[in-house]
């Protein structure tokens, strides 16, 4: 059911049931632009009783001139308790450690998400690594069942905790099992699981820009803002695994990161189209830079360093493209701290993490950083775009850490 108010109900135009993969797609039509809608999913049992399962709110696409806000967060690293065999080879002590750690991660995430959800923004962007499977190894390959469990767990937690923040756009990181380093059969199964459970824009969603058929890189427009989402590891055949590799693959370095030719062509086409269409604000979202420049070689080759890596490897190409097309902000994750730095006309912003217990302060080489749990909130108006870094952990009260303001391009 879908309501604009408590007194009216609109039913879905189509319900598509895929028995093999057990999901339902509900398509609504004739919705008003720039409008908040409230939805409720109910489940009917065999005795015909209806029970509420999930409910929430979403906002339809804004028009030029409309003001709006959205959330950006990164690296939640939620660990599914469905991995019953995660620590089977590590002994009872390791099992106890991981059980305690996964509980703490989810508790911290839920604390921060309470503040995020209360903002009732138009949408949210997750910058990758929404889930974690350290118990299976370091950024391991998954089979289909494991990938489904991990995505379903993260999806369900997000559905419960971010149900008032509108659409959720996903960026791919290290832990989704889809890097070009992963064995192709495992990568294909991870992609299939994600496309079923963590839905992104398809090529037809924003037809003026298109998207990857795999929904792993795409662009979207919202009011006066253009957003470009890139997949930093999916087409890189080298392994960026802190010195480890996959069978038959070579270890990667800071200068071997690549978006792949097809994604590079898409990124350039989309950004130049956005410039041609005169979007006032242009923002790029990526898990980490397409290069690295951290405080040591291991973390550098793992892609840490953010703005310090603006002109390293293929990131130099992306940086010059962003400068040329008027991009004001590139959001990235991966390093689990708050920091920001301007290189030429592009501001690189890292919005911390709501819940990952590892805060890479010394390893990254950032001189100005905050290690609080939290997120970024972006407010867009016709006259400015403002980014607020918000700390919202269980240990400290909600507070504003830093603000950045950008003028229309």
Foldseek 3Di string as FASTA:
>chain_A
DKALDPPDDDAFPDWDADVVVGDIDTHHDDDDAQGKMKDWDWDQDPVRDIDTDFIFIAHHFAAAQDWFKEWEFEALAQEFPVPVCLQVPPDPVVVVVVVVQNVQSLVLLLQQLQVRQVVLTNEYEYQENLHHRCSNPFLAQDALVVLLRGLQVSLVSCRHRNRRRHYYAYAYDSNLRQFLQHDPNSNVSSLVSCVRRPPADAQPNAVLQGADNSRNWTWDDGHLEIETGAHFGNPQNADLGLPDGDPPHHHFFQQRTDSDDVRVVSVLVRLQSSLVVQRQAYEYRHAAASGADWPDRSVRRNRAAHPVCCCHHCNVVVNVSCVVSVHQEYEHEDQQKWDWDDDRRHIYTYQHHSGDPDHRDRGRHDPDIGNAHHIWMWIDGQFKIKIWRWHRGPVDHIDTDDMDIDGTD
